[in-house]
Amino acid sequence: MLPITLAVDSGYKTPFNAQYLLEKTIIPAMPYTRPKGKPGYFRTKDFIYDEYY
């Protein structure tokens, strides 16, 4: 008997693993991965704090 849901670590969060589990009718429970973005694209120091808004 296969499990209904399988929790995995972020190291196993790949499209191949997700597709394999879904084909076997197993729902993968994978952690959220923060978007990487481009390094230095939006820097905090480029914005000016305005308490009015």
PDB file of N, CA and C in Angstrom:
ATOM      1  N   MET A   1       0.843  -1.189   0.000  1.00  0.00           N
ATOM      2  CA  MET A   1       0.000   0.000   0.000  1.00  0.00           C
ATOM      3  C   MET A   1       0.884   1.246   0.000  1.00  0.00           C
ATOM      4  N   LEU A   2       0.644   2.141  -0.941  1.00  0.00           N
ATOM      5  CA  LEU A   2       1.419   3.368  -1.048  1.00  0.00           C
ATOM      6  C   LEU A   2       0.853   4.446  -0.126  1.00  0.00           C
ATOM      7  N   PRO A   3       1.721   5.334   0.382  1.00  0.00           N
ATOM      8  CA  PRO A   3       1.205   6.442   1.190  1.00  0.00           C
ATOM      9  C   PRO A   3       0.428   7.428   0.319  1.00  0.00           C
ATOM     10  N   ILE A   4      -0.488   8.155   0.925  1.00  0.00           N
ATOM     11  CA  ILE A   4      -1.281   9.145   0.195  1.00  0.00           C
ATOM     12  C   ILE A   4      -0.484  10.437   0.022  1.00  0.00           C
ATOM     13  N   THR A   5       0.250  10.826   1.070  1.00  0.00           N
ATOM     14  CA  THR A   5       1.052  12.041   1.049  1.00  0.00           C
ATOM     15  C   THR A   5       2.458  11.711   1.527  1.00  0.00           C
ATOM     16  N   LEU A   6       3.438  12.361   0.940  1.00  0.00           N
ATOM     17  CA  LEU A   6       4.823  12.126   1.318  1.00  0.00           C
ATOM     18  C   LEU A   6       5.499  13.466   1.556  1.00  0.00           C
ATOM     19  N   ALA A   7       6.046  13.665   2.756  1.00  0.00           N
ATOM     20  CA  ALA A   7       6.769  14.895   3.077  1.00  0.00           C
ATOM     21  C   ALA A   7       8.234  14.709   2.725  1.00  0.00           C
ATOM     22  N   VAL A   8       8.793  15.689   2.026  1.00  0.00           N
ATOM     23  CA  VAL A   8      10.190  15.603   1.613  1.00  0.00           C
ATOM     24  C   VAL A   8      10.934  16.875   2.018  1.00  0.00           C
ATOM     25  N   ASP A   9      12.240  16.761   2.117  1.00  0.00           N
ATOM     26  CA  ASP A   9      13.118  17.870   2.433  1.00  0.00           C
ATOM     27  C   ASP A   9      13.308  18.733   1.185  1.00  0.00           C
ATOM     28  N   SER A  10      13.757  19.961   1.365  1.00  0.00           N
ATOM     29  CA  SER A  10      13.919  20.855   0.215  1.00  0.00           C
ATOM     30  C   SER A  10      14.967  20.356  -0.772  1.00  0.00           C
ATOM     31  N   GLY A  11      15.874  19.499  -0.342  1.00  0.00           N
ATOM     32  CA  GLY A  11      16.865  18.939  -1.249  1.00  0.00           C
ATOM     33  C   GLY A  11      16.263  18.012  -2.286  1.00  0.00           C
ATOM     34  N   TYR A  12      15.088  17.464  -1.993  1.00  0.00           N
ATOM     35  CA  TYR A  12      14.405  16.560  -2.917  1.00  0.00           C
ATOM     36  C   TYR A  12      13.338  17.270  -3.738  1.00  0.00           C
ATOM     37  N   LYS A  13      13.241  18.595  -3.598  1.00  0.00           N
ATOM     38  CA  LYS A  13      12.218  19.356  -4.321  1.00  0.00           C
ATOM     39  C   LYS A  13      12.702  19.632  -5.740  1.00  0.00           C
ATOM     40  N   THR A  14      12.454  18.669  -6.619  1.00  0.00           N
ATOM     41  CA  THR A  14      12.820  18.810  -8.025  1.00  0.00           C
ATOM     42  C   THR A  14      11.599  18.475  -8.873  1.00  0.00           C
ATOM     43  N   PRO A  15      11.520  19.002 -10.080  1.00  0.00           N
ATOM     44  CA  PRO A  15      10.396  18.666 -10.958  1.00  0.00           C
ATOM     45  C   PRO A  15      10.300  17.166 -11.236  1.00  0.00           C
ATOM     46  N   PHE A  16      11.443  16.494 -11.356  1.00  0.00           N
ATOM     47  CA  PHE A  16      11.432  15.055 -11.616  1.00  0.00           C
ATOM     48  C   PHE A  16      10.769  14.297 -10.467  1.00  0.00           C
ATOM     49  N   ASN A  17      11.156  14.616  -9.229  1.00  0.00           N
ATOM     50  CA  ASN A  17      10.575  13.931  -8.075  1.00  0.00           C
ATOM     51  C   ASN A  17       9.091  14.234  -7.934  1.00  0.00           C
ATOM     52  N   ALA A  18       8.698  15.476  -8.167  1.00  0.00           N
ATOM     53  CA  ALA A  18       7.287  15.842  -8.061  1.00  0.00           C
ATOM     54  C   ALA A  18       6.458  15.104  -9.104  1.00  0.00           C
ATOM     55  N   GLN A  19       6.950  15.038 -10.330  1.00  0.00           N
ATOM     56  CA  GLN A  19       6.218  14.339 -11.385  1.00  0.00           C
ATOM     57  C   GLN A  19       6.111  12.848 -11.075  1.00  0.00           C
ATOM     58  N   TYR A  20       7.191  12.251 -10.595  1.00  0.00           N
ATOM     59  CA  TYR A  20       7.185  10.825 -10.268  1.00  0.00           C
ATOM     60  C   TYR A  20       6.146  10.517  -9.191  1.00  0.00           C
ATOM     61  N   LEU A  21       6.124  11.328  -8.136  1.00  0.00           N
ATOM     62  CA  LEU A  21       5.165  11.093  -7.054  1.00  0.00           C
ATOM     63  C   LEU A  21       3.730  11.273  -7.537  1.00  0.00           C
ATOM     64  N   LEU A  22       3.489  12.296  -8.344  1.00  0.00           N
ATOM     65  CA  LEU A  22       2.135  12.534  -8.839  1.00  0.00           C
ATOM     66  C   LEU A  22       1.677  11.420  -9.775  1.00  0.00           C
ATOM     67  N   GLU A  23       2.597  10.858 -10.562  1.00  0.00           N
ATOM     68  CA  GLU A  23       2.240   9.728 -11.429  1.00  0.00           C
ATOM     69  C   GLU A  23       1.854   8.502 -10.619  1.00  0.00           C
ATOM     70  N   LYS A  24       2.429   8.368  -9.427  1.00  0.00           N
ATOM     71  CA  LYS A  24       2.106   7.249  -8.534  1.00  0.00           C
ATOM     72  C   LYS A  24       0.935   7.585  -7.614  1.00  0.00           C
ATOM     73  N   THR A  25       0.249   8.693  -7.891  1.00  0.00           N
ATOM     74  CA  THR A  25      -0.885   9.211  -7.102  1.00  0.00           C
ATOM     75  C   THR A  25      -0.507   9.449  -5.642  1.00  0.00           C
ATOM     76  N   ILE A  26       0.709   9.940  -5.435  1.00  0.00           N
ATOM     77  CA  ILE A  26       1.178  10.341  -4.107  1.00  0.00           C
ATOM     78  C   ILE A  26       1.304  11.860  -4.120  1.00  0.00           C
ATOM     79  N   ILE A  27       0.705  12.523  -3.151  1.00  0.00           N
ATOM     80  CA  ILE A  27       0.744  13.982  -3.083  1.00  0.00           C
ATOM     81  C   ILE A  27       2.024  14.402  -2.358  1.00  0.00           C
ATOM     82  N   PRO A  28       2.929  15.118  -3.033  1.00  0.00           N
ATOM     83  CA  PRO A  28       4.160  15.546  -2.368  1.00  0.00           C
ATOM     84  C   PRO A  28       3.921  16.772  -1.488  1.00  0.00           C
ATOM     85  N   ALA A  29       4.443  16.739  -0.272  1.00  0.00           N
ATOM     86  CA  ALA A  29       4.405  17.888   0.632  1.00  0.00           C
ATOM     87  C   ALA A  29       5.823  18.433   0.698  1.00  0.00           C
ATOM     88  N   MET A  30       6.069  19.482  -0.091  1.00  0.00           N
ATOM     89  CA  MET A  30       7.417  20.036  -0.207  1.00  0.00           C
ATOM     90  C   MET A  30       7.451  21.429   0.401  1.00  0.00           C
ATOM     91  N   PRO A  31       8.574  21.803   1.030  1.00  0.00           N
ATOM     92  CA  PRO A  31       8.659  23.122   1.651  1.00  0.00           C
ATOM     93  C   PRO A  31       8.702  24.234   0.613  1.00  0.00           C
ATOM     94  N   TYR A  32       8.277  25.407   1.035  1.00  0.00           N
ATOM     95  CA  TYR A  32       8.318  26.589   0.174  1.00  0.00           C
ATOM     96  C   TYR A  32       9.768  26.991  -0.058  1.00  0.00           C
ATOM     97  N   THR A  33      10.099  27.332  -1.267  1.00  0.00           N
ATOM     98  CA  THR A  33      11.429  27.826  -1.595  1.00  0.00           C
ATOM     99  C   THR A  33      11.303  29.280  -2.009  1.00  0.00           C
ATOM    100  N   ARG A  34      12.004  30.137  -1.308  1.00  0.00           N
ATOM    101  CA  ARG A  34      11.954  31.562  -1.602  1.00  0.00           C
ATOM    102  C   ARG A  34      12.545  31.820  -2.989  1.00  0.00           C
ATOM    103  N   PRO A  35      11.907  32.652  -3.806  1.00  0.00           N
ATOM    104  CA  PRO A  35      12.460  32.953  -5.132  1.00  0.00           C
ATOM    105  C   PRO A  35      13.856  33.561  -5.014  1.00  0.00           C
ATOM    106  N   LYS A  36      14.742  33.135  -5.865  1.00  0.00           N
ATOM    107  CA  LYS A  36      16.136  33.584  -5.794  1.00  0.00           C
ATOM    108  C   LYS A  36      16.298  34.994  -6.353  1.00  0.00           C
ATOM    109  N   GLY A  37      15.751  35.259  -7.519  1.00  0.00           N
ATOM    110  CA  GLY A  37      15.902  36.573  -8.135  1.00  0.00           C
ATOM    111  C   GLY A  37      17.320  36.802  -8.617  1.00  0.00           C
ATOM    112  N   LYS A  38      17.545  37.962  -9.147  1.00  0.00           N
ATOM    113  CA  LYS A  38      18.884  38.312  -9.610  1.00  0.00           C
ATOM    114  C   LYS A  38      19.626  39.001  -8.472  1.00  0.00           C
ATOM    115  N   PRO A  39      20.849  38.616  -8.211  1.00  0.00           N
ATOM    116  CA  PRO A  39      21.586  39.237  -7.110  1.00  0.00           C
ATOM    117  C   PRO A  39      21.805  40.728  -7.367  1.00  0.00           C
ATOM    118  N   GLY A  40      21.440  41.534  -6.373  1.00  0.00           N
ATOM    119  CA  GLY A  40      21.632  42.969  -6.477  1.00  0.00           C
ATOM    120  C   GLY A  40      20.620  43.681  -7.347  1.00  0.00           C
ATOM    121  N   TYR A  41      19.582  43.006  -7.785  1.00  0.00           N
ATOM    122  CA  TYR A  41      18.609  43.623  -8.681  1.00  0.00           C
ATOM    123  C   TYR A  41      17.789  44.682  -7.951  1.00  0.00           C
ATOM    124  N   PHE A  42      17.213  44.339  -6.808  1.00  0.00           N
ATOM    125  CA  PHE A  42      16.487  45.294  -5.970  1.00  0.00           C
ATOM    126  C   PHE A  42      17.186  45.330  -4.614  1.00  0.00           C
ATOM    127  N   ARG A  43      17.956  46.371  -4.415  1.00  0.00           N
ATOM    128  CA  ARG A  43      18.664  46.494  -3.149  1.00  0.00           C
ATOM    129  C   ARG A  43      17.869  47.391  -2.214  1.00  0.00           C
ATOM    130  N   THR A  44      17.948  47.104  -0.936  1.00  0.00           N
ATOM    131  CA  THR A  44      17.219  47.881   0.059  1.00  0.00           C
ATOM    132  C   THR A  44      17.685  49.332   0.070  1.00  0.00           C
ATOM    133  N   LYS A  45      18.961  49.569  -0.107  1.00  0.00           N
ATOM    134  CA  LYS A  45      19.475  50.943  -0.043  1.00  0.00           C
ATOM    135  C   LYS A  45      19.061  51.802  -1.238  1.00  0.00           C
ATOM    136  N   ASP A  46      18.480  51.204  -2.268  1.00  0.00           N
ATOM    137  CA  ASP A  46      18.013  51.966  -3.426  1.00  0.00           C
ATOM    138  C   ASP A  46      16.654  52.628  -3.189  1.00  0.00           C
ATOM    139  N   PHE A  47      16.007  52.311  -2.083  1.00  0.00           N
ATOM    140  CA  PHE A  47      14.686  52.849  -1.775  1.00  0.00           C
ATOM    141  C   PHE A  47      14.784  53.857  -0.642  1.00  0.00           C
ATOM    142  N   ILE A  48      13.949  54.876  -0.703  1.00  0.00           N
ATOM    143  CA  ILE A  48      13.918  55.910   0.321  1.00  0.00           C
ATOM    144  C   ILE A  48      12.660  55.715   1.159  1.00  0.00           C
ATOM    145  N   TYR A  49      12.833  55.674   2.485  1.00  0.00           N
ATOM    146  CA  TYR A  49      11.696  55.509   3.379  1.00  0.00           C
ATOM    147  C   TYR A  49      10.945  56.830   3.489  1.00  0.00           C
ATOM    148  N   ASP A  50       9.631  56.782   3.270  1.00  0.00           N
ATOM    149  CA  ASP A  50       8.781  57.960   3.392  1.00  0.00           C
ATOM    150  C   ASP A  50       7.625  57.584   4.298  1.00  0.00           C
ATOM    151  N   GLU A  51       7.633  58.095   5.525  1.00  0.00           N
ATOM    152  CA  GLU A  51       6.614  57.699   6.496  1.00  0.00           C
ATOM    153  C   GLU A  51       5.231  58.243   6.164  1.00  0.00           C
ATOM    154  N   TYR A  52       5.138  59.188   5.216  1.00  0.00           N
ATOM    155  CA  TYR A  52       3.840  59.721   4.833  1.00  0.00           C
ATOM    156  C   TYR A  52       2.991  58.657   4.149  1.00  0.00           C
ATOM    157  N   TYR A  53       3.606  57.789   3.348  1.00  0.00           N
ATOM    158  CA  TYR A  53       2.853  56.771   2.623  1.00  0.00           C
ATOM    159  C   TYR A  53       2.846  55.537   3.418  1.00  0.00           C
TER     160      TYR A  53
END
